[in-house]
Amino acid sequence: MRTGATYTRHFDLETRQHELLGIDLGEGTPRRTLILGFVLYLMWTGGLLLILGIPNKVTFTLYFLPPLLIAVVGTQRSRRNERRWNITYWALAVRYMALGHRPIICGGRRSAARVEWIPRRARMSGRGGALRPRRESTGEPAATPAPLAGAPLRLDARPRLYGPDQVFKARRRRGGTTTGKTGKAS
């Protein structure tokens, strides 16, 4: 059995900004981090300016620290997948918690009914379950949730083996194909 390795991570060349507005940045800061940080600062500071007004000594940390932490920690490589940033996993987790996902049924041939979607409570139980207050155990067994779909389908698959003579008959019935220059049916 053959095994392969992925070398795309080794060829990932990161562009760096070594100077910004006449200020030397030393070894350079990755440009993607700078761009993400700039966009985050614009959005965060713009929103806080509308809500709180001009920052003072007390609120300056609220204006400055969250976008900095998100930009620095979010643009680091994830431990789960080296080709993704941490902020990608955060965005996918927030999207899953907020919107969930629609199941793919029959390879997308049929759209899922609303009953087949995973409810928000079930999505929240897996992640962030520690953030919810826990109820005291009363010693009673926990109620099992009712299934969201109907009864399981019974499949009666019967294998069939077709020989070359039956394949020949089926092809002849459908018109068959011609082979060679003679034009005779195969």
N, C-alpha and C. Protein backbone atom coordinates (compact mmCIF):
# COMPACT_ATOMS: atom_id res chain seq x y z
N MET A 1 0.84 -1.17 0.00
CA MET A 1 0.00 0.00 0.00
C MET A 1 0.89 1.24 0.00
N ARG A 2 0.54 2.18 -0.82
CA ARG A 2 1.34 3.39 -0.91
C ARG A 2 0.88 4.41 0.11
N THR A 3 1.83 5.14 0.62
CA THR A 3 1.51 6.24 1.51
C THR A 3 2.16 7.49 0.95
N GLY A 4 1.54 8.61 1.20
CA GLY A 4 2.07 9.86 0.69
C GLY A 4 2.15 10.89 1.79
N ALA A 5 2.84 11.95 1.50
CA ALA A 5 2.97 13.05 2.46
C ALA A 5 2.56 14.34 1.77
N THR A 6 2.03 15.24 2.55
CA THR A 6 1.64 16.54 2.03
C THR A 6 2.74 17.54 2.35
N TYR A 7 3.29 18.14 1.32
CA TYR A 7 4.37 19.08 1.51
C TYR A 7 3.94 20.53 1.32
N THR A 8 2.64 20.77 1.16
CA THR A 8 2.20 22.14 0.87
C THR A 8 2.51 23.08 2.03
N ARG A 9 2.50 22.60 3.26
CA ARG A 9 2.80 23.45 4.41
C ARG A 9 4.25 23.93 4.33
N HIS A 10 5.15 23.12 3.79
CA HIS A 10 6.55 23.49 3.70
C HIS A 10 6.79 24.57 2.65
N PHE A 11 5.89 24.66 1.68
CA PHE A 11 6.04 25.65 0.63
C PHE A 11 5.24 26.92 0.90
N ASP A 12 4.71 27.06 2.09
CA ASP A 12 3.92 28.23 2.45
C ASP A 12 4.88 29.38 2.78
N LEU A 13 5.02 30.30 1.86
CA LEU A 13 5.90 31.44 2.06
C LEU A 13 5.06 32.62 2.57
N GLU A 14 5.45 33.13 3.69
CA GLU A 14 4.70 34.19 4.34
C GLU A 14 5.35 35.53 4.06
N THR A 15 4.59 36.47 3.54
CA THR A 15 5.14 37.80 3.30
C THR A 15 5.16 38.57 4.61
N ARG A 16 6.20 39.35 4.79
CA ARG A 16 6.36 40.10 6.04
C ARG A 16 6.57 41.58 5.75
N GLN A 17 6.09 42.38 6.67
CA GLN A 17 6.24 43.83 6.58
C GLN A 17 7.38 44.22 7.53
N HIS A 18 8.46 44.75 6.98
CA HIS A 18 9.62 45.08 7.80
C HIS A 18 9.64 46.54 8.23
N GLU A 19 8.88 47.37 7.56
CA GLU A 19 8.85 48.78 7.91
C GLU A 19 7.44 49.29 7.69
N LEU A 20 6.96 50.10 8.63
CA LEU A 20 5.61 50.64 8.53
C LEU A 20 5.63 52.11 8.93
N LEU A 21 5.31 52.97 7.99
CA LEU A 21 5.29 54.42 8.22
C LEU A 21 6.62 54.93 8.78
N GLY A 22 7.72 54.40 8.27
CA GLY A 22 9.04 54.83 8.72
C GLY A 22 9.51 54.18 10.01
N ILE A 23 8.72 53.30 10.59
CA ILE A 23 9.09 52.61 11.83
C ILE A 23 9.61 51.23 11.47
N ASP A 24 10.81 50.90 11.97
CA ASP A 24 11.41 49.60 11.71
C ASP A 24 10.70 48.55 12.55
N LEU A 25 10.22 47.47 11.92
CA LEU A 25 9.52 46.39 12.62
C LEU A 25 10.42 45.19 12.89
N GLY A 26 11.72 45.35 12.73
CA GLY A 26 12.66 44.26 13.01
C GLY A 26 12.57 43.16 11.98
N GLU A 27 12.34 41.91 12.43
CA GLU A 27 12.26 40.77 11.53
C GLU A 27 11.02 40.83 10.65
N GLY A 28 10.12 41.65 10.99
CA GLY A 28 8.92 41.81 10.18
C GLY A 28 7.72 41.10 10.78
N THR A 29 6.58 41.71 10.58
CA THR A 29 5.32 41.15 11.03
C THR A 29 4.61 40.57 9.80
N PRO A 30 3.98 39.41 9.93
CA PRO A 30 3.27 38.86 8.77
C PRO A 30 2.19 39.83 8.28
N ARG A 31 2.11 39.99 6.99
CA ARG A 31 1.18 40.97 6.42
C ARG A 31 -0.27 40.59 6.66
N ARG A 32 -0.57 39.32 6.62
CA ARG A 32 -1.96 38.91 6.87
C ARG A 32 -2.39 39.28 8.29
N THR A 33 -1.48 39.14 9.24
CA THR A 33 -1.79 39.53 10.61
C THR A 33 -2.03 41.04 10.69
N LEU A 34 -1.19 41.80 10.02
CA LEU A 34 -1.38 43.26 10.02
C LEU A 34 -2.71 43.66 9.39
N ILE A 35 -3.05 43.04 8.28
CA ILE A 35 -4.31 43.39 7.60
C ILE A 35 -5.50 43.00 8.46
N LEU A 36 -5.48 41.78 9.03
CA LEU A 36 -6.58 41.36 9.89
C LEU A 36 -6.69 42.27 11.10
N GLY A 37 -5.55 42.60 11.72
CA GLY A 37 -5.57 43.50 12.87
C GLY A 37 -6.12 44.87 12.52
N PHE A 38 -5.74 45.38 11.35
CA PHE A 38 -6.23 46.70 10.93
C PHE A 38 -7.75 46.69 10.73
N VAL A 39 -8.25 45.65 10.09
CA VAL A 39 -9.70 45.54 9.87
C VAL A 39 -10.43 45.38 11.20
N LEU A 40 -9.90 44.55 12.09
CA LEU A 40 -10.52 44.37 13.40
C LEU A 40 -10.54 45.67 14.20
N TYR A 41 -9.43 46.42 14.18
CA TYR A 41 -9.39 47.69 14.90
C TYR A 41 -10.40 48.68 14.34
N LEU A 42 -10.53 48.73 13.03
CA LEU A 42 -11.51 49.64 12.43
C LEU A 42 -12.93 49.29 12.87
N MET A 43 -13.27 48.02 12.78
CA MET A 43 -14.63 47.60 13.14
C MET A 43 -14.88 47.76 14.64
N TRP A 44 -13.97 47.30 15.46
CA TRP A 44 -14.14 47.34 16.91
C TRP A 44 -14.17 48.77 17.43
N THR A 45 -13.20 49.56 17.00
CA THR A 45 -13.13 50.94 17.48
C THR A 45 -14.31 51.75 16.96
N GLY A 46 -14.70 51.51 15.71
CA GLY A 46 -15.85 52.22 15.17
C GLY A 46 -17.11 51.93 15.95
N GLY A 47 -17.34 50.67 16.29
CA GLY A 47 -18.51 50.30 17.08
C GLY A 47 -18.48 50.89 18.47
N LEU A 48 -17.32 50.82 19.12
CA LEU A 48 -17.22 51.37 20.48
C LEU A 48 -17.31 52.89 20.48
N LEU A 49 -16.82 53.55 19.45
CA LEU A 49 -16.96 55.01 19.37
C LEU A 49 -18.43 55.40 19.28
N LEU A 50 -19.21 54.64 18.55
CA LEU A 50 -20.64 54.92 18.47
C LEU A 50 -21.36 54.66 19.79
N ILE A 51 -20.91 53.63 20.52
CA ILE A 51 -21.59 53.26 21.77
C ILE A 51 -21.07 54.07 22.96
N LEU A 52 -19.75 54.11 23.15
CA LEU A 52 -19.17 54.71 24.35
C LEU A 52 -18.57 56.10 24.13
N GLY A 53 -18.30 56.46 22.90
CA GLY A 53 -17.67 57.76 22.64
C GLY A 53 -16.16 57.64 22.66
N ILE A 54 -15.50 58.79 22.82
CA ILE A 54 -14.03 58.84 22.80
C ILE A 54 -13.48 58.13 24.03
N PRO A 55 -12.43 57.30 23.84
CA PRO A 55 -11.89 56.56 24.99
C PRO A 55 -11.18 57.46 25.99
N ASN A 56 -11.26 57.07 27.26
CA ASN A 56 -10.50 57.75 28.31
C ASN A 56 -9.49 56.76 28.88
N LYS A 57 -8.87 57.09 30.01
CA LYS A 57 -7.84 56.22 30.59
C LYS A 57 -8.42 54.88 31.01
N VAL A 58 -9.65 54.85 31.43
CA VAL A 58 -10.26 53.61 31.92
C VAL A 58 -10.68 52.71 30.75
N THR A 59 -11.28 53.27 29.72
CA THR A 59 -11.82 52.46 28.62
C THR A 59 -10.82 52.20 27.50
N PHE A 60 -9.61 52.75 27.59
CA PHE A 60 -8.64 52.55 26.52
C PHE A 60 -8.30 51.07 26.34
N THR A 61 -8.20 50.33 27.43
CA THR A 61 -7.89 48.90 27.35
C THR A 61 -9.00 48.16 26.60
N LEU A 62 -10.23 48.55 26.82
CA LEU A 62 -11.36 47.92 26.13
C LEU A 62 -11.30 48.20 24.63
N TYR A 63 -10.82 49.37 24.26
CA TYR A 63 -10.68 49.71 22.85
C TYR A 63 -9.49 48.99 22.21
N PHE A 64 -8.42 48.79 22.95
CA PHE A 64 -7.15 48.35 22.38
C PHE A 64 -6.92 46.84 22.45
N LEU A 65 -7.22 46.20 23.59
CA LEU A 65 -6.80 44.83 23.84
C LEU A 65 -7.55 43.74 23.05
N PRO A 66 -8.89 43.73 22.97
CA PRO A 66 -9.57 42.62 22.27
C PRO A 66 -9.15 42.45 20.81
N PRO A 67 -9.09 43.51 19.98
CA PRO A 67 -8.65 43.26 18.60
C PRO A 67 -7.20 42.79 18.52
N LEU A 68 -6.36 43.25 19.43
CA LEU A 68 -4.97 42.82 19.43
C LEU A 68 -4.86 41.33 19.74
N LEU A 69 -5.57 40.87 20.75
CA LEU A 69 -5.54 39.45 21.11
C LEU A 69 -6.10 38.57 20.00
N ILE A 70 -7.20 39.00 19.40
CA ILE A 70 -7.80 38.21 18.31
C ILE A 70 -6.85 38.16 17.12
N ALA A 71 -6.21 39.27 16.79
CA ALA A 71 -5.30 39.29 15.64
C ALA A 71 -4.06 38.44 15.90
N VAL A 72 -3.49 38.51 17.09
CA VAL A 72 -2.26 37.78 17.36
C VAL A 72 -2.52 36.29 17.54
N VAL A 73 -3.49 35.93 18.39
CA VAL A 73 -3.76 34.52 18.65
C VAL A 73 -4.52 33.89 17.48
N GLY A 74 -5.40 34.64 16.84
CA GLY A 74 -6.21 34.11 15.75
C GLY A 74 -5.43 33.78 14.50
N THR A 75 -4.32 34.47 14.26
CA THR A 75 -3.55 34.20 13.04
C THR A 75 -2.44 33.16 13.26
N GLN A 76 -2.38 32.57 14.42
CA GLN A 76 -1.44 31.47 14.64
C GLN A 76 -1.99 30.20 14.01
N ARG A 77 -1.10 29.31 13.65
CA ARG A 77 -1.51 28.04 13.04
C ARG A 77 -2.23 27.19 14.08
N SER A 78 -3.28 26.52 13.65
CA SER A 78 -4.05 25.67 14.54
C SER A 78 -3.27 24.40 14.84
N ARG A 79 -3.49 23.84 15.99
CA ARG A 79 -2.84 22.57 16.35
C ARG A 79 -3.53 21.40 15.67
N ARG A 80 -4.81 21.55 15.34
CA ARG A 80 -5.56 20.47 14.70
C ARG A 80 -5.20 20.31 13.22
N ASN A 81 -5.03 21.44 12.54
CA ASN A 81 -4.73 21.42 11.11
C ASN A 81 -3.76 22.56 10.84
N GLU A 82 -2.55 22.23 10.45
CA GLU A 82 -1.51 23.25 10.29
C GLU A 82 -1.81 24.26 9.20
N ARG A 83 -2.70 23.90 8.29
CA ARG A 83 -2.97 24.80 7.18
C ARG A 83 -4.06 25.82 7.50
N ARG A 84 -4.62 25.77 8.69
CA ARG A 84 -5.68 26.71 9.08
C ARG A 84 -5.25 27.56 10.25
N TRP A 85 -5.79 28.77 10.27
CA TRP A 85 -5.59 29.65 11.42
C TRP A 85 -6.59 29.31 12.51
N ASN A 86 -6.28 29.74 13.73
CA ASN A 86 -7.22 29.55 14.84
C ASN A 86 -8.53 30.30 14.60
N ILE A 87 -8.45 31.47 14.00
CA ILE A 87 -9.65 32.27 13.79
C ILE A 87 -10.63 31.56 12.86
N THR A 88 -10.14 30.71 11.98
CA THR A 88 -11.02 29.93 11.11
C THR A 88 -11.85 28.96 11.93
N TYR A 89 -11.23 28.26 12.86
CA TYR A 89 -11.97 27.34 13.72
C TYR A 89 -12.95 28.09 14.61
N TRP A 90 -12.56 29.26 15.10
CA TRP A 90 -13.49 30.05 15.92
C TRP A 90 -14.71 30.46 15.11
N ALA A 91 -14.49 30.90 13.89
CA ALA A 91 -15.61 31.33 13.04
C ALA A 91 -16.53 30.14 12.71
N LEU A 92 -15.95 28.98 12.44
CA LEU A 92 -16.78 27.81 12.16
C LEU A 92 -17.58 27.37 13.38
N ALA A 93 -16.98 27.47 14.57
CA ALA A 93 -17.69 27.10 15.80
C ALA A 93 -18.84 28.06 16.07
N VAL A 94 -18.62 29.36 15.88
CA VAL A 94 -19.69 30.35 16.09
C VAL A 94 -20.80 30.13 15.07
N ARG A 95 -20.44 29.86 13.84
CA ARG A 95 -21.46 29.62 12.81
C ARG A 95 -22.28 28.38 13.14
N TYR A 96 -21.62 27.32 13.60
CA TYR A 96 -22.33 26.09 13.95
C TYR A 96 -23.28 26.33 15.11
N MET A 97 -22.84 27.07 16.12
CA MET A 97 -23.69 27.35 17.27
C MET A 97 -24.89 28.21 16.88
N ALA A 98 -24.67 29.17 16.00
CA ALA A 98 -25.75 30.09 15.63
C ALA A 98 -26.70 29.49 14.59
N LEU A 99 -26.14 28.89 13.55
CA LEU A 99 -26.97 28.44 12.44
C LEU A 99 -27.14 26.93 12.36
N GLY A 100 -26.20 26.20 12.93
CA GLY A 100 -26.24 24.75 12.79
C GLY A 100 -25.84 24.35 11.38
N HIS A 101 -26.32 23.22 10.95
CA HIS A 101 -26.08 22.81 9.58
C HIS A 101 -27.28 22.01 9.11
N ARG A 102 -27.48 22.02 7.84
CA ARG A 102 -28.57 21.25 7.26
C ARG A 102 -28.00 19.93 6.80
N PRO A 103 -28.59 18.83 7.23
CA PRO A 103 -28.06 17.52 6.83
C PRO A 103 -28.14 17.33 5.32
N ILE A 104 -27.19 16.60 4.79
CA ILE A 104 -27.20 16.24 3.37
C ILE A 104 -27.82 14.86 3.26
N ILE A 105 -28.93 14.79 2.56
CA ILE A 105 -29.67 13.54 2.45
C ILE A 105 -29.64 13.08 1.00
N CYS A 106 -29.30 11.83 0.81
CA CYS A 106 -29.22 11.21 -0.52
C CYS A 106 -28.29 12.01 -1.43
N GLY A 107 -27.17 12.42 -0.90
CA GLY A 107 -26.20 13.14 -1.71
C GLY A 107 -26.71 14.49 -2.19
N GLY A 108 -27.65 15.09 -1.47
CA GLY A 108 -28.19 16.40 -1.85
C GLY A 108 -29.38 16.32 -2.78
N ARG A 109 -29.87 15.14 -3.05
CA ARG A 109 -31.03 15.01 -3.95
C ARG A 109 -32.31 15.50 -3.28
N ARG A 110 -32.35 15.44 -1.96
CA ARG A 110 -33.53 15.88 -1.22
C ARG A 110 -33.07 16.84 -0.13
N SER A 111 -33.76 17.94 0.01
CA SER A 111 -33.40 18.87 1.08
C SER A 111 -34.00 18.37 2.39
N ALA A 112 -33.30 18.64 3.47
CA ALA A 112 -33.72 18.15 4.78
C ALA A 112 -34.93 18.92 5.27
N ALA A 113 -35.86 18.20 5.87
CA ALA A 113 -37.01 18.85 6.50
C ALA A 113 -36.55 19.51 7.79
N ARG A 114 -37.32 20.45 8.25
CA ARG A 114 -36.95 21.19 9.47
C ARG A 114 -36.81 20.24 10.66
N VAL A 115 -37.57 19.18 10.68
CA VAL A 115 -37.51 18.22 11.78
C VAL A 115 -36.17 17.50 11.82
N GLU A 116 -35.48 17.38 10.68
CA GLU A 116 -34.23 16.64 10.60
C GLU A 116 -33.01 17.47 10.96
N TRP A 117 -33.19 18.75 11.16
CA TRP A 117 -32.07 19.60 11.56
C TRP A 117 -31.71 19.31 13.01
N ILE A 118 -30.47 19.56 13.36
CA ILE A 118 -30.04 19.38 14.75
C ILE A 118 -30.52 20.60 15.54
N PRO A 119 -31.31 20.38 16.61
CA PRO A 119 -31.81 21.54 17.37
C PRO A 119 -30.69 22.27 18.09
N ARG A 120 -30.94 23.53 18.38
CA ARG A 120 -29.93 24.39 19.02
C ARG A 120 -29.49 23.81 20.37
N ARG A 121 -30.43 23.28 21.14
CA ARG A 121 -30.07 22.73 22.45
C ARG A 121 -29.10 21.56 22.32
N ALA A 122 -29.28 20.72 21.32
CA ALA A 122 -28.36 19.60 21.10
C ALA A 122 -27.00 20.10 20.64
N ARG A 123 -26.96 21.18 19.85
CA ARG A 123 -25.68 21.74 19.41
C ARG A 123 -24.93 22.35 20.58
N MET A 124 -25.64 22.96 21.50
CA MET A 124 -24.99 23.62 22.63
C MET A 124 -24.49 22.63 23.67
N SER A 125 -25.06 21.42 23.69
CA SER A 125 -24.66 20.48 24.74
C SER A 125 -23.24 19.98 24.53
N GLY A 126 -22.78 19.88 23.29
CA GLY A 126 -21.44 19.36 23.03
C GLY A 126 -20.36 20.38 23.34
N ARG A 127 -20.57 21.61 22.94
CA ARG A 127 -19.58 22.65 23.15
C ARG A 127 -20.16 23.69 24.09
N GLY A 128 -19.36 24.19 24.95
CA GLY A 128 -19.82 25.24 25.86
C GLY A 128 -20.77 24.73 26.91
N GLY A 129 -20.84 23.43 27.08
CA GLY A 129 -21.73 22.86 28.08
C GLY A 129 -21.33 23.27 29.49
N ALA A 130 -20.06 23.57 29.68
CA ALA A 130 -19.59 23.96 31.01
C ALA A 130 -20.04 25.37 31.37
N LEU A 131 -20.45 26.15 30.39
CA LEU A 131 -20.86 27.52 30.66
C LEU A 131 -22.29 27.59 31.19
N ARG A 132 -23.09 26.57 30.92
CA ARG A 132 -24.47 26.58 31.38
C ARG A 132 -24.52 26.13 32.83
N PRO A 133 -25.46 26.68 33.61
CA PRO A 133 -25.60 26.21 34.99
C PRO A 133 -26.14 24.78 35.00
N ARG A 134 -25.59 23.96 35.88
CA ARG A 134 -26.00 22.57 35.95
C ARG A 134 -27.05 22.39 37.03
N ARG A 135 -27.99 21.50 36.76
CA ARG A 135 -29.03 21.21 37.74
C ARG A 135 -28.52 20.14 38.69
N GLU A 136 -29.02 20.19 39.91
CA GLU A 136 -28.63 19.20 40.90
C GLU A 136 -29.25 17.85 40.53
N SER A 137 -28.50 16.79 40.74
CA SER A 137 -28.98 15.46 40.42
C SER A 137 -29.98 15.01 41.46
N THR A 138 -31.14 14.53 41.02
CA THR A 138 -32.18 14.07 41.94
C THR A 138 -32.16 12.56 42.09
N GLY A 139 -31.28 11.89 41.39
CA GLY A 139 -31.21 10.44 41.48
C GLY A 139 -32.13 9.76 40.48
N GLU A 140 -32.96 10.52 39.79
CA GLU A 140 -33.86 9.93 38.80
C GLU A 140 -33.10 9.77 37.47
N PRO A 141 -33.44 8.74 36.72
CA PRO A 141 -32.77 8.59 35.43
C PRO A 141 -33.17 9.73 34.48
N ALA A 142 -32.20 10.14 33.69
CA ALA A 142 -32.46 11.22 32.75
C ALA A 142 -33.38 10.74 31.63
N ALA A 143 -34.29 11.60 31.23
CA ALA A 143 -35.22 11.25 30.16
C ALA A 143 -34.47 11.25 28.83
N THR A 144 -34.69 10.23 28.05
CA THR A 144 -34.04 10.17 26.73
C THR A 144 -34.87 10.97 25.75
N PRO A 145 -34.23 11.76 24.93
CA PRO A 145 -35.00 12.55 23.98
C PRO A 145 -35.64 11.66 22.91
N ALA A 146 -36.79 12.11 22.43
CA ALA A 146 -37.49 11.37 21.38
C ALA A 146 -36.73 11.48 20.08
N PRO A 147 -36.73 10.44 19.28
CA PRO A 147 -36.01 10.53 18.00
C PRO A 147 -36.65 11.58 17.09
N LEU A 148 -35.81 12.25 16.30
CA LEU A 148 -36.30 13.30 15.43
C LEU A 148 -36.87 12.74 14.14
N ALA A 149 -36.44 11.58 13.73
CA ALA A 149 -36.91 11.00 12.48
C ALA A 149 -37.77 9.78 12.79
N GLY A 150 -38.31 9.18 11.77
CA GLY A 150 -39.17 8.02 11.94
C GLY A 150 -38.38 6.76 12.25
N ALA A 151 -39.06 5.64 12.12
CA ALA A 151 -38.44 4.35 12.40
C ALA A 151 -37.34 4.06 11.38
N PRO A 152 -36.38 3.22 11.73
CA PRO A 152 -35.31 2.91 10.78
C PRO A 152 -35.85 2.16 9.58
N LEU A 153 -35.21 2.38 8.44
CA LEU A 153 -35.62 1.71 7.21
C LEU A 153 -34.98 0.33 7.15
N ARG A 154 -35.76 -0.64 6.75
CA ARG A 154 -35.24 -2.00 6.55
C ARG A 154 -34.82 -2.12 5.09
N LEU A 155 -33.61 -2.52 4.88
CA LEU A 155 -33.10 -2.67 3.53
C LEU A 155 -33.04 -4.15 3.18
N ASP A 156 -33.66 -4.51 2.07
CA ASP A 156 -33.60 -5.88 1.56
C ASP A 156 -32.81 -5.86 0.26
N ALA A 157 -31.52 -5.82 0.39
CA ALA A 157 -30.67 -5.79 -0.80
C ALA A 157 -30.46 -7.22 -1.28
N ARG A 158 -30.71 -7.43 -2.55
CA ARG A 158 -30.51 -8.75 -3.15
C ARG A 158 -29.46 -8.63 -4.24
N PRO A 159 -28.33 -9.25 -4.06
CA PRO A 159 -27.31 -9.16 -5.12
C PRO A 159 -27.72 -9.98 -6.34
N ARG A 160 -27.44 -9.44 -7.50
CA ARG A 160 -27.75 -10.13 -8.75
C ARG A 160 -26.48 -10.20 -9.58
N LEU A 161 -26.29 -11.32 -10.19
CA LEU A 161 -25.12 -11.51 -11.03
C LEU A 161 -25.58 -11.67 -12.47
N TYR A 162 -25.16 -10.76 -13.31
CA TYR A 162 -25.52 -10.82 -14.72
C TYR A 162 -24.34 -11.37 -15.50
N GLY A 163 -24.62 -12.34 -16.32
CA GLY A 163 -23.60 -12.92 -17.16
C GLY A 163 -23.48 -12.15 -18.46
N PRO A 164 -22.47 -12.48 -19.25
CA PRO A 164 -22.25 -11.77 -20.51
C PRO A 164 -23.41 -11.93 -21.49
N ASP A 165 -24.11 -13.08 -21.45
CA ASP A 165 -25.23 -13.27 -22.37
C ASP A 165 -26.37 -12.32 -22.05
N GLN A 166 -26.66 -12.06 -20.77
CA GLN A 166 -27.73 -11.14 -20.41
C GLN A 166 -27.33 -9.69 -20.69
N VAL A 167 -26.09 -9.36 -20.52
CA VAL A 167 -25.62 -8.01 -20.85
C VAL A 167 -25.74 -7.80 -22.36
N PHE A 168 -25.41 -8.83 -23.15
CA PHE A 168 -25.51 -8.73 -24.61
C PHE A 168 -26.96 -8.50 -25.03
N LYS A 169 -27.91 -9.24 -24.42
CA LYS A 169 -29.33 -9.06 -24.74
C LYS A 169 -29.80 -7.65 -24.38
N ALA A 170 -29.38 -7.15 -23.23
CA ALA A 170 -29.80 -5.81 -22.80
C ALA A 170 -29.24 -4.75 -23.73
N ARG A 171 -28.02 -4.89 -24.15
CA ARG A 171 -27.43 -3.90 -25.06
C ARG A 171 -28.09 -3.95 -26.43
N ARG A 172 -28.44 -5.15 -26.88
CA ARG A 172 -29.10 -5.27 -28.18
C ARG A 172 -30.49 -4.64 -28.14
N ARG A 173 -31.19 -4.79 -27.01
CA ARG A 173 -32.51 -4.19 -26.87
C ARG A 173 -32.45 -2.67 -26.92
N ARG A 174 -31.40 -2.08 -26.37
CA ARG A 174 -31.28 -0.62 -26.30
C ARG A 174 -30.62 -0.04 -27.54
N GLY A 175 -30.29 -0.83 -28.50
CA GLY A 175 -29.71 -0.29 -29.72
C GLY A 175 -28.28 -0.71 -29.93
N GLY A 176 -27.58 -1.06 -28.86
CA GLY A 176 -26.21 -1.55 -28.98
C GLY A 176 -25.26 -0.52 -29.55
N THR A 177 -24.03 -0.90 -29.66
CA THR A 177 -23.00 -0.03 -30.23
C THR A 177 -22.39 -0.74 -31.42
N THR A 178 -21.84 0.02 -32.32
CA THR A 178 -21.16 -0.58 -33.46
C THR A 178 -19.67 -0.58 -33.20
N THR A 179 -19.01 -1.56 -33.72
CA THR A 179 -17.57 -1.65 -33.55
C THR A 179 -16.91 -1.80 -34.91
N GLY A 180 -15.72 -1.29 -35.01
CA GLY A 180 -14.93 -1.47 -36.22
C GLY A 180 -15.51 -0.75 -37.41
N LYS A 181 -14.97 -1.08 -38.60
CA LYS A 181 -15.39 -0.44 -39.84
C LYS A 181 -16.56 -1.14 -40.49
N THR A 182 -16.87 -2.35 -40.06
CA THR A 182 -17.93 -3.11 -40.74
C THR A 182 -19.31 -2.61 -40.38
N GLY A 183 -19.45 -1.99 -39.20
CA GLY A 183 -20.74 -1.45 -38.79
C GLY A 183 -21.65 -2.50 -38.20
N LYS A 184 -21.15 -3.69 -37.97
CA LYS A 184 -21.98 -4.74 -37.37
C LYS A 184 -22.12 -4.48 -35.88
N ALA A 185 -23.25 -4.82 -35.34
CA ALA A 185 -23.49 -4.64 -33.90
C ALA A 185 -22.62 -5.62 -33.13
N SER A 186 -22.14 -5.16 -32.01
CA SER A 186 -21.30 -6.03 -31.21
C SER A 186 -22.11 -6.88 -30.29
